[in-house]
Amino acid sequence: MSVVQQQVSAPLFFSNSAAAKAKELIDEEGNADLKLRVYVTGGGCSGFQYGFSFDDAQDDEDTIIERDGVKLLVDPMSYQYLVGSTVDYLEGLQGSQFVVNNPNASSTCGCGSSFSI
């Protein structure tokens, strides 16, 4: 009899458009060791805010999501707030940016980078 393990929480999703834009930016930098990092910090008008950076260092505790050869890194503290979210890249009238679509956020602010749980 086999035991089936059920995953309790949904993973973090890395969209095709976010991976493609990250790859484009990494290629422009000419440093193949760069990875896109998403993180959550306290602050913003709703309590927490999302941040993005490129990082060539990867910590042992980081969660790594890879798509099309691009790695997305998330530290353990941020991951708990991002479970089930999608990291995406949008181009629109307000500019182009990486965004997080977070189903766990109970409210967000107009800038889209601040949220509360």
C-alpha atoms as a PDB file:
ATOM      1  CA  MET A   1       0.000   0.000   0.000  1.00  0.00           C
ATOM      2  CA  SER A   2       1.498   3.324  -0.994  1.00  0.00           C
ATOM      3  CA  VAL A   3       1.107   6.504   0.954  1.00  0.00           C
ATOM      4  CA  VAL A   4       0.276   9.614  -1.015  1.00  0.00           C
ATOM      5  CA  GLN A   5       1.585  12.835   0.454  1.00  0.00           C
ATOM      6  CA  GLN A   6      -0.535  15.880  -0.138  1.00  0.00           C
ATOM      7  CA  GLN A   7       1.111  19.233  -0.449  1.00  0.00           C
ATOM      8  CA  VAL A   8      -0.451  21.466   2.197  1.00  0.00           C
ATOM      9  CA  SER A   9       0.265  24.811   0.593  1.00  0.00           C
ATOM     10  CA  ALA A  10       0.403  25.937  -2.995  1.00  0.00           C
ATOM     11  CA  PRO A  11       3.811  26.774  -4.407  1.00  0.00           C
ATOM     12  CA  LEU A  12       4.940  30.125  -5.706  1.00  0.00           C
ATOM     13  CA  PHE A  13       4.429  30.531  -9.452  1.00  0.00           C
ATOM     14  CA  PHE A  14       6.878  32.273 -11.806  1.00  0.00           C
ATOM     15  CA  SER A  15       5.108  33.416 -14.999  1.00  0.00           C
ATOM     16  CA  ASN A  16       6.509  33.066 -18.504  1.00  0.00           C
ATOM     17  CA  SER A  17       6.539  36.847 -18.967  1.00  0.00           C
ATOM     18  CA  ALA A  18       8.424  37.422 -15.685  1.00  0.00           C
ATOM     19  CA  ALA A  19      11.001  34.769 -16.559  1.00  0.00           C
ATOM     20  CA  ALA A  20      11.443  36.187 -20.071  1.00  0.00           C
ATOM     21  CA  LYS A  21      11.938  39.754 -18.801  1.00  0.00           C
ATOM     22  CA  ALA A  22      14.328  38.615 -16.057  1.00  0.00           C
ATOM     23  CA  LYS A  23      16.331  36.659 -18.656  1.00  0.00           C
ATOM     24  CA  GLU A  24      16.448  39.721 -20.919  1.00  0.00           C
ATOM     25  CA  LEU A  25      17.724  41.920 -18.068  1.00  0.00           C
ATOM     26  CA  ILE A  26      20.263  39.314 -16.938  1.00  0.00           C
ATOM     27  CA  ASP A  27      21.541  38.963 -20.504  1.00  0.00           C
ATOM     28  CA  GLU A  28      21.902  42.771 -20.735  1.00  0.00           C
ATOM     29  CA  GLU A  29      24.023  42.736 -17.556  1.00  0.00           C
ATOM     30  CA  GLY A  30      26.232  40.003 -18.983  1.00  0.00           C
ATOM     31  CA  ASN A  31      26.297  38.102 -15.666  1.00  0.00           C
ATOM     32  CA  ALA A  32      24.794  34.623 -16.026  1.00  0.00           C
ATOM     33  CA  ASP A  33      25.030  34.123 -12.234  1.00  0.00           C
ATOM     34  CA  LEU A  34      22.281  36.687 -11.544  1.00  0.00           C
ATOM     35  CA  LYS A  35      18.952  35.495 -10.197  1.00  0.00           C
ATOM     36  CA  LEU A  36      15.719  37.409  -9.604  1.00  0.00           C
ATOM     37  CA  ARG A  37      14.897  37.741  -5.911  1.00  0.00           C
ATOM     38  CA  VAL A  38      11.428  38.599  -4.602  1.00  0.00           C
ATOM     39  CA  TYR A  39      11.030  39.558  -0.962  1.00  0.00           C
ATOM     40  CA  VAL A  40       8.546  40.989   1.509  1.00  0.00           C
ATOM     41  CA  THR A  41       9.395  43.778   3.945  1.00  0.00           C
ATOM     42  CA  GLY A  42       7.420  45.666   6.541  1.00  0.00           C
ATOM     43  CA  GLY A  43       6.182  49.072   5.480  1.00  0.00           C
ATOM     44  CA  GLY A  44       4.188  50.550   2.668  1.00  0.00           C
ATOM     45  CA  CYS A  45       0.719  51.993   3.071  1.00  0.00           C
ATOM     46  CA  SER A  46      -0.866  48.570   3.714  1.00  0.00           C
ATOM     47  CA  GLY A  47       1.643  47.054   6.166  1.00  0.00           C
ATOM     48  CA  PHE A  48       3.884  44.935   3.918  1.00  0.00           C
ATOM     49  CA  GLN A  49       5.498  45.608   0.595  1.00  0.00           C
ATOM     50  CA  TYR A  50       7.027  43.540  -2.178  1.00  0.00           C
ATOM     51  CA  GLY A  51      10.536  44.087  -3.431  1.00  0.00           C
ATOM     52  CA  PHE A  52      12.550  42.748  -6.347  1.00  0.00           C
ATOM     53  CA  SER A  53      16.285  42.698  -6.913  1.00  0.00           C
ATOM     54  CA  PHE A  54      18.868  40.822  -8.912  1.00  0.00           C
ATOM     55  CA  ASP A  55      21.234  38.796  -6.778  1.00  0.00           C
ATOM     56  CA  ASP A  56      24.248  36.668  -7.642  1.00  0.00           C
ATOM     57  CA  ALA A  57      24.277  35.113  -4.138  1.00  0.00           C
ATOM     58  CA  GLN A  58      21.966  32.288  -3.217  1.00  0.00           C
ATOM     59  CA  ASP A  59      21.439  31.294   0.433  1.00  0.00           C
ATOM     60  CA  ASP A  60      20.998  27.660   1.470  1.00  0.00           C
ATOM     61  CA  GLU A  61      17.568  28.490   2.942  1.00  0.00           C
ATOM     62  CA  ASP A  62      16.259  30.169  -0.224  1.00  0.00           C
ATOM     63  CA  THR A  63      13.383  28.597  -2.114  1.00  0.00           C
ATOM     64  CA  ILE A  64      14.283  28.397  -5.796  1.00  0.00           C
ATOM     65  CA  ILE A  65      11.750  28.402  -8.603  1.00  0.00           C
ATOM     66  CA  GLU A  66      13.248  27.964 -12.054  1.00  0.00           C
ATOM     67  CA  ARG A  67      11.598  28.699 -15.379  1.00  0.00           C
ATOM     68  CA  ASP A  68      13.305  28.747 -18.773  1.00  0.00           C
ATOM     69  CA  GLY A  69      16.765  28.788 -17.179  1.00  0.00           C
ATOM     70  CA  VAL A  70      16.011  31.744 -14.881  1.00  0.00           C
ATOM     71  CA  LYS A  71      15.996  31.284 -11.109  1.00  0.00           C
ATOM     72  CA  LEU A  72      13.599  33.099  -8.795  1.00  0.00           C
ATOM     73  CA  LEU A  73      14.832  33.211  -5.179  1.00  0.00           C
ATOM     74  CA  VAL A  74      12.672  33.681  -2.076  1.00  0.00           C
ATOM     75  CA  ASP A  75      13.970  33.800   1.497  1.00  0.00           C
ATOM     76  CA  PRO A  76      12.093  31.729   4.126  1.00  0.00           C
ATOM     77  CA  MET A  77      10.548  34.739   5.887  1.00  0.00           C
ATOM     78  CA  SER A  78       9.121  36.139   2.636  1.00  0.00           C
ATOM     79  CA  TYR A  79       7.979  32.757   1.346  1.00  0.00           C
ATOM     80  CA  GLN A  80       5.334  32.397   4.058  1.00  0.00           C
ATOM     81  CA  TYR A  81       3.621  35.563   2.766  1.00  0.00           C
ATOM     82  CA  LEU A  82       3.974  34.549  -0.897  1.00  0.00           C
ATOM     83  CA  VAL A  83       2.665  30.962  -0.869  1.00  0.00           C
ATOM     84  CA  GLY A  84       0.152  30.562  -3.702  1.00  0.00           C
ATOM     85  CA  SER A  85       1.202  33.838  -5.361  1.00  0.00           C
ATOM     86  CA  THR A  86       2.274  34.455  -8.936  1.00  0.00           C
ATOM     87  CA  VAL A  87       5.287  36.593  -9.796  1.00  0.00           C
ATOM     88  CA  ASP A  88       4.501  38.255 -13.109  1.00  0.00           C
ATOM     89  CA  TYR A  89       5.771  41.031 -15.370  1.00  0.00           C
ATOM     90  CA  LEU A  90       3.310  43.601 -16.696  1.00  0.00           C
ATOM     91  CA  GLU A  91       3.616  46.392 -19.223  1.00  0.00           C
ATOM     92  CA  GLY A  92       0.948  49.062 -19.169  1.00  0.00           C
ATOM     93  CA  LEU A  93       0.116  52.742 -19.040  1.00  0.00           C
ATOM     94  CA  GLN A  94       1.690  53.090 -15.588  1.00  0.00           C
ATOM     95  CA  GLY A  95       4.940  51.583 -16.800  1.00  0.00           C
ATOM     96  CA  SER A  96       6.530  48.169 -16.812  1.00  0.00           C
ATOM     97  CA  GLN A  97       7.224  46.246 -13.639  1.00  0.00           C
ATOM     98  CA  PHE A  98       7.455  42.923 -11.889  1.00  0.00           C
ATOM     99  CA  VAL A  99       4.323  42.332  -9.794  1.00  0.00           C
ATOM    100  CA  VAL A 100       3.023  39.804  -7.287  1.00  0.00           C
ATOM    101  CA  ASN A 101      -0.538  38.523  -7.594  1.00  0.00           C
ATOM    102  CA  ASN A 102      -1.136  37.347  -4.036  1.00  0.00           C
ATOM    103  CA  PRO A 103      -4.396  35.547  -3.187  1.00  0.00           C
ATOM    104  CA  ASN A 104      -3.499  35.801   0.534  1.00  0.00           C
ATOM    105  CA  ALA A 105      -3.540  39.603   0.569  1.00  0.00           C
ATOM    106  CA  SER A 106      -6.690  40.921   2.223  1.00  0.00           C
ATOM    107  CA  SER A 107      -6.052  44.410   0.877  1.00  0.00           C
ATOM    108  CA  THR A 108      -3.616  46.193  -1.395  1.00  0.00           C
ATOM    109  CA  CYS A 109      -2.861  49.802  -2.130  1.00  0.00           C
ATOM    110  CA  GLY A 110      -3.077  51.609  -5.431  1.00  0.00           C
ATOM    111  CA  CYS A 111       0.617  51.233  -6.218  1.00  0.00           C
ATOM    112  CA  GLY A 112       0.281  47.439  -6.209  1.00  0.00           C
ATOM    113  CA  SER A 113       3.468  46.890  -4.222  1.00  0.00           C
ATOM    114  CA  SER A 114       1.926  47.160  -0.746  1.00  0.00           C
ATOM    115  CA  PHE A 115      -0.456  44.686   0.890  1.00  0.00           C
ATOM    116  CA  SER A 116      -1.862  43.375   4.168  1.00  0.00           C
ATOM    117  CA  ILE A 117      -2.777  39.855   5.269  1.00  0.00           C
END
